[in-house]
Amino acid sequence: MDADSFDLAAYTERSLNGPCFVCAIVAGDPAHDVEEVFYEDEHHIAFLARYATLWGYVLVCPKEHVEHAVRDLDEDAYLALMRLVRRVALAVEATVPSERTYLLSLGSQQGNSHLHWHIAPLPPGTPYDRQQYHALMAENGILSWTPQEGRALAESLREALG
């Protein structure tokens, strides 16, 4: 697993003008094979983050293209999604050494609008100045892994989910 530089301009272009990446993953688009899916049910999907800054960084999403966590989901759907976010976060912590686990929902109406939750495990011993926002910013470098490493991580997460 190596750290690679991140092309912010290309990412921004894809986010603003490309198709919805979550909908593409749900549809099984082979262009999104790096995002190894390790959980799927009737309403949700969880997969490895393509632009991971930390080993074990994953995303959890509703399959339906919804954009607002508090406006587009009724209470039952919101609570079901949050139960899954917690369950996946616990699986990540059981699989990857984690000093702290970051949970956040990002996106914008301008790009990456499909609701998704980021689960990012902070490795133990990470210096304070490389934690929090620094640890999550792809501009500071992203991880690259082999397909075998990605499949192995996804399988470990599947096992931890039970």
C-alpha atoms as a PDB file:
ATOM      1  CA  MET A   1       0.000   0.000   0.000  1.00  0.00           C
ATOM      2  CA  ASP A   2       1.494   3.300  -1.086  1.00  0.00           C
ATOM      3  CA  ALA A   3       0.523   6.940  -0.763  1.00  0.00           C
ATOM      4  CA  ASP A   4      -0.190   8.726  -4.029  1.00  0.00           C
ATOM      5  CA  SER A   5      -0.646  12.371  -4.862  1.00  0.00           C
ATOM      6  CA  PHE A   6      -4.194  13.510  -5.498  1.00  0.00           C
ATOM      7  CA  ASP A   7      -5.368  15.401  -8.585  1.00  0.00           C
ATOM      8  CA  LEU A   8      -7.803  17.832  -6.995  1.00  0.00           C
ATOM      9  CA  ALA A   9      -8.687  19.521 -10.298  1.00  0.00           C
ATOM     10  CA  ALA A  10      -9.676  16.210 -11.944  1.00  0.00           C
ATOM     11  CA  TYR A  11     -11.640  15.155  -8.851  1.00  0.00           C
ATOM     12  CA  THR A  12     -13.493  18.470  -8.808  1.00  0.00           C
ATOM     13  CA  GLU A  13     -14.319  18.150 -12.520  1.00  0.00           C
ATOM     14  CA  ARG A  14     -15.705  14.612 -12.008  1.00  0.00           C
ATOM     15  CA  SER A  15     -17.681  15.695  -8.935  1.00  0.00           C
ATOM     16  CA  LEU A  16     -19.260  18.690 -10.632  1.00  0.00           C
ATOM     17  CA  ASN A  17     -19.878  17.248 -14.091  1.00  0.00           C
ATOM     18  CA  GLY A  18     -19.762  13.461 -13.887  1.00  0.00           C
ATOM     19  CA  PRO A  19     -22.531  11.024 -13.066  1.00  0.00           C
ATOM     20  CA  CYS A  20     -23.405  10.260  -9.454  1.00  0.00           C
ATOM     21  CA  PHE A  21     -20.667   7.942  -8.220  1.00  0.00           C
ATOM     22  CA  VAL A  22     -22.896   6.219  -5.654  1.00  0.00           C
ATOM     23  CA  CYS A  23     -25.612   5.498  -8.234  1.00  0.00           C
ATOM     24  CA  ALA A  24     -22.898   4.131 -10.554  1.00  0.00           C
ATOM     25  CA  ILE A  25     -21.649   1.784  -7.812  1.00  0.00           C
ATOM     26  CA  VAL A  26     -25.198   0.653  -7.003  1.00  0.00           C
ATOM     27  CA  ALA A  27     -25.698  -0.058 -10.723  1.00  0.00           C
ATOM     28  CA  GLY A  28     -22.506  -2.143 -10.819  1.00  0.00           C
ATOM     29  CA  ASP A  29     -20.570   0.159 -13.163  1.00  0.00           C
ATOM     30  CA  PRO A  30     -17.180  -1.565 -13.720  1.00  0.00           C
ATOM     31  CA  ALA A  31     -15.459   1.839 -13.704  1.00  0.00           C
ATOM     32  CA  HIS A  32     -16.004   1.731  -9.947  1.00  0.00           C
ATOM     33  CA  ASP A  33     -14.340  -1.572  -9.157  1.00  0.00           C
ATOM     34  CA  VAL A  34     -11.859   0.035  -6.727  1.00  0.00           C
ATOM     35  CA  GLU A  35     -14.828   0.759  -4.472  1.00  0.00           C
ATOM     36  CA  GLU A  36     -15.032  -2.853  -3.336  1.00  0.00           C
ATOM     37  CA  VAL A  37     -18.568  -3.415  -1.994  1.00  0.00           C
ATOM     38  CA  PHE A  38     -18.525  -5.334   1.272  1.00  0.00           C
ATOM     39  CA  TYR A  39     -22.127  -4.832   2.427  1.00  0.00           C
ATOM     40  CA  GLU A  40     -25.400  -4.566   0.580  1.00  0.00           C
ATOM     41  CA  ASP A  41     -29.018  -4.972   1.549  1.00  0.00           C
ATOM     42  CA  GLU A  42     -32.292  -3.858   0.004  1.00  0.00           C
ATOM     43  CA  HIS A  43     -31.798  -0.202   1.003  1.00  0.00           C
ATOM     44  CA  HIS A  44     -28.079   0.369   1.700  1.00  0.00           C
ATOM     45  CA  ILE A  45     -24.593  -0.236   0.398  1.00  0.00           C
ATOM     46  CA  ALA A  46     -21.125   0.031   1.977  1.00  0.00           C
ATOM     47  CA  PHE A  47     -17.845   0.056   0.091  1.00  0.00           C
ATOM     48  CA  LEU A  48     -14.178   1.003   0.248  1.00  0.00           C
ATOM     49  CA  ALA A  49     -13.522   4.670  -0.433  1.00  0.00           C
ATOM     50  CA  ARG A  50     -11.721   5.249  -3.751  1.00  0.00           C
ATOM     51  CA  TYR A  51      -9.843   8.276  -2.403  1.00  0.00           C
ATOM     52  CA  ALA A  52      -8.995   6.842   1.008  1.00  0.00           C
ATOM     53  CA  THR A  53      -6.534   8.766   3.117  1.00  0.00           C
ATOM     54  CA  LEU A  54      -6.580   6.127   5.859  1.00  0.00           C
ATOM     55  CA  TRP A  55      -6.533   2.320   5.573  1.00  0.00           C
ATOM     56  CA  GLY A  56     -10.069   1.085   6.255  1.00  0.00           C
ATOM     57  CA  TYR A  57     -11.785   4.287   5.074  1.00  0.00           C
ATOM     58  CA  VAL A  58     -15.254   3.301   3.842  1.00  0.00           C
ATOM     59  CA  LEU A  59     -18.535   4.875   2.771  1.00  0.00           C
ATOM     60  CA  VAL A  60     -22.087   3.873   3.738  1.00  0.00           C
ATOM     61  CA  CYS A  61     -24.983   5.083   1.583  1.00  0.00           C
ATOM     62  CA  PRO A  62     -28.652   4.582   0.929  1.00  0.00           C
ATOM     63  CA  LYS A  63     -29.101   2.953  -2.476  1.00  0.00           C
ATOM     64  CA  GLU A  64     -31.841   5.391  -3.411  1.00  0.00           C
ATOM     65  CA  HIS A  65     -30.486   8.720  -4.624  1.00  0.00           C
ATOM     66  CA  VAL A  66     -31.365  10.939  -1.676  1.00  0.00           C
ATOM     67  CA  GLU A  67     -29.476  14.121  -0.960  1.00  0.00           C
ATOM     68  CA  HIS A  68     -30.419  15.354   2.503  1.00  0.00           C
ATOM     69  CA  ALA A  69     -30.026  13.254   5.635  1.00  0.00           C
ATOM     70  CA  VAL A  70     -32.621  15.163   7.604  1.00  0.00           C
ATOM     71  CA  ARG A  71     -35.079  16.186   4.868  1.00  0.00           C
ATOM     72  CA  ASP A  72     -35.076  13.267   2.432  1.00  0.00           C
ATOM     73  CA  LEU A  73     -35.301  10.411   4.921  1.00  0.00           C
ATOM     74  CA  ASP A  74     -38.153   9.792   7.281  1.00  0.00           C
ATOM     75  CA  GLU A  75     -37.185   8.976  10.851  1.00  0.00           C
ATOM     76  CA  ASP A  76     -37.271   5.204  10.368  1.00  0.00           C
ATOM     77  CA  ALA A  77     -35.088   5.357   7.237  1.00  0.00           C
ATOM     78  CA  TYR A  78     -32.672   7.744   8.961  1.00  0.00           C
ATOM     79  CA  LEU A  79     -32.380   5.532  12.032  1.00  0.00           C
ATOM     80  CA  ALA A  80     -31.891   2.417   9.877  1.00  0.00           C
ATOM     81  CA  LEU A  81     -29.075   4.162   8.007  1.00  0.00           C
ATOM     82  CA  MET A  82     -27.455   5.321  11.248  1.00  0.00           C
ATOM     83  CA  ARG A  83     -27.701   1.812  12.735  1.00  0.00           C
ATOM     84  CA  LEU A  84     -25.818   0.553   9.697  1.00  0.00           C
ATOM     85  CA  VAL A  85     -23.221   3.349   9.954  1.00  0.00           C
ATOM     86  CA  ARG A  86     -22.575   2.306  13.559  1.00  0.00           C
ATOM     87  CA  ARG A  87     -22.467  -1.377  12.667  1.00  0.00           C
ATOM     88  CA  VAL A  88     -19.991  -0.754   9.832  1.00  0.00           C
ATOM     89  CA  ALA A  89     -17.889   1.530  12.057  1.00  0.00           C
ATOM     90  CA  LEU A  90     -17.650  -1.263  14.639  1.00  0.00           C
ATOM     91  CA  ALA A  91     -16.619  -3.695  11.880  1.00  0.00           C
ATOM     92  CA  VAL A  92     -13.948  -1.238  10.716  1.00  0.00           C
ATOM     93  CA  GLU A  93     -12.640  -0.929  14.285  1.00  0.00           C
ATOM     94  CA  ALA A  94     -12.585  -4.730  14.612  1.00  0.00           C
ATOM     95  CA  THR A  95     -10.609  -4.993  11.355  1.00  0.00           C
ATOM     96  CA  VAL A  96      -8.232  -2.012  11.353  1.00  0.00           C
ATOM     97  CA  PRO A  97      -6.294  -0.630  14.345  1.00  0.00           C
ATOM     98  CA  SER A  98      -8.141   2.561  15.292  1.00  0.00           C
ATOM     99  CA  GLU A  99      -7.320   5.195  17.872  1.00  0.00           C
ATOM    100  CA  ARG A 100     -10.494   7.060  16.955  1.00  0.00           C
ATOM    101  CA  THR A 101     -13.093   6.602  14.246  1.00  0.00           C
ATOM    102  CA  TYR A 102     -14.266   9.623  12.313  1.00  0.00           C
ATOM    103  CA  LEU A 103     -17.893   9.631  11.128  1.00  0.00           C
ATOM    104  CA  LEU A 104     -19.111  12.380   8.871  1.00  0.00           C
ATOM    105  CA  SER A 105     -21.416  13.092   5.994  1.00  0.00           C
ATOM    106  CA  LEU A 106     -19.962  15.212   3.223  1.00  0.00           C
ATOM    107  CA  GLY A 107     -21.138  16.237  -0.215  1.00  0.00           C
ATOM    108  CA  SER A 108     -22.742  19.231  -1.819  1.00  0.00           C
ATOM    109  CA  GLN A 109     -25.707  20.051  -3.980  1.00  0.00           C
ATOM    110  CA  GLN A 110     -23.132  21.061  -6.596  1.00  0.00           C
ATOM    111  CA  GLY A 111     -21.260  17.734  -6.585  1.00  0.00           C
ATOM    112  CA  ASN A 112     -21.329  14.373  -4.788  1.00  0.00           C
ATOM    113  CA  SER A 113     -24.916  15.113  -3.790  1.00  0.00           C
ATOM    114  CA  HIS A 114     -25.914  11.480  -3.086  1.00  0.00           C
ATOM    115  CA  LEU A 115     -26.080  11.136   0.706  1.00  0.00           C
ATOM    116  CA  HIS A 116     -23.107   9.169   2.025  1.00  0.00           C
ATOM    117  CA  TRP A 117     -21.411   8.687   5.378  1.00  0.00           C
ATOM    118  CA  HIS A 118     -17.639   8.525   5.669  1.00  0.00           C
ATOM    119  CA  ILE A 119     -16.147   6.137   8.223  1.00  0.00           C
ATOM    120  CA  ALA A 120     -12.423   6.742   8.636  1.00  0.00           C
ATOM    121  CA  PRO A 121     -10.289   4.986  11.269  1.00  0.00           C
ATOM    122  CA  LEU A 122      -7.410   7.056  12.651  1.00  0.00           C
ATOM    123  CA  PRO A 123      -4.360   4.818  13.170  1.00  0.00           C
ATOM    124  CA  PRO A 124      -2.937   4.700  16.708  1.00  0.00           C
ATOM    125  CA  GLY A 125       0.045   6.959  17.173  1.00  0.00           C
ATOM    126  CA  THR A 126      -0.867   9.437  14.439  1.00  0.00           C
ATOM    127  CA  PRO A 127       0.778  12.752  15.396  1.00  0.00           C
ATOM    128  CA  TYR A 128      -1.783  15.342  16.461  1.00  0.00           C
ATOM    129  CA  ASP A 129      -0.931  17.688  13.581  1.00  0.00           C
ATOM    130  CA  ARG A 130      -1.846  14.876  11.141  1.00  0.00           C
ATOM    131  CA  GLN A 131      -5.193  14.043  12.770  1.00  0.00           C
ATOM    132  CA  GLN A 132      -8.693  15.393  12.200  1.00  0.00           C
ATOM    133  CA  TYR A 133      -9.076  17.403   8.978  1.00  0.00           C
ATOM    134  CA  HIS A 134      -5.485  16.764   7.908  1.00  0.00           C
ATOM    135  CA  ALA A 135      -6.047  12.992   8.074  1.00  0.00           C
ATOM    136  CA  LEU A 136      -9.136  13.260   5.862  1.00  0.00           C
ATOM    137  CA  MET A 137      -7.890  15.675   3.206  1.00  0.00           C
ATOM    138  CA  ALA A 138      -7.029  13.885  -0.019  1.00  0.00           C
ATOM    139  CA  GLU A 139      -4.825  16.842  -0.913  1.00  0.00           C
ATOM    140  CA  ASN A 140      -2.375  15.445   1.663  1.00  0.00           C
ATOM    141  CA  GLY A 141      -2.169  12.183  -0.300  1.00  0.00           C
ATOM    142  CA  ILE A 142      -4.367   9.159  -0.871  1.00  0.00           C
ATOM    143  CA  LEU A 143      -3.637   5.485  -0.399  1.00  0.00           C
ATOM    144  CA  SER A 144      -3.269   3.107  -3.270  1.00  0.00           C
ATOM    145  CA  TRP A 145      -3.637  -0.618  -2.859  1.00  0.00           C
ATOM    146  CA  THR A 146      -3.629  -3.661  -5.054  1.00  0.00           C
ATOM    147  CA  PRO A 147      -6.909  -5.304  -6.011  1.00  0.00           C
ATOM    148  CA  GLN A 148      -5.887  -8.225  -3.782  1.00  0.00           C
ATOM    149  CA  GLU A 149      -5.384  -5.886  -0.787  1.00  0.00           C
ATOM    150  CA  GLY A 150      -8.771  -4.284  -1.421  1.00  0.00           C
ATOM    151  CA  ARG A 151     -10.522  -7.647  -1.700  1.00  0.00           C
ATOM    152  CA  ALA A 152      -8.822  -8.859   1.496  1.00  0.00           C
ATOM    153  CA  LEU A 153      -9.917  -5.752   3.415  1.00  0.00           C
ATOM    154  CA  ALA A 154     -13.470  -6.064   2.080  1.00  0.00           C
ATOM    155  CA  GLU A 155     -13.572  -9.755   3.072  1.00  0.00           C
ATOM    156  CA  SER A 156     -12.339  -8.911   6.583  1.00  0.00           C
ATOM    157  CA  LEU A 157     -15.060  -6.275   6.880  1.00  0.00           C
ATOM    158  CA  ARG A 158     -17.700  -8.766   5.663  1.00  0.00           C
ATOM    159  CA  GLU A 159     -16.549 -11.236   8.310  1.00  0.00           C
ATOM    160  CA  ALA A 160     -16.591  -8.594  11.045  1.00  0.00           C
ATOM    161  CA  LEU A 161     -20.137  -7.636  10.050  1.00  0.00           C
ATOM    162  CA  GLY A 162     -21.137 -11.263  10.552  1.00  0.00           C
END
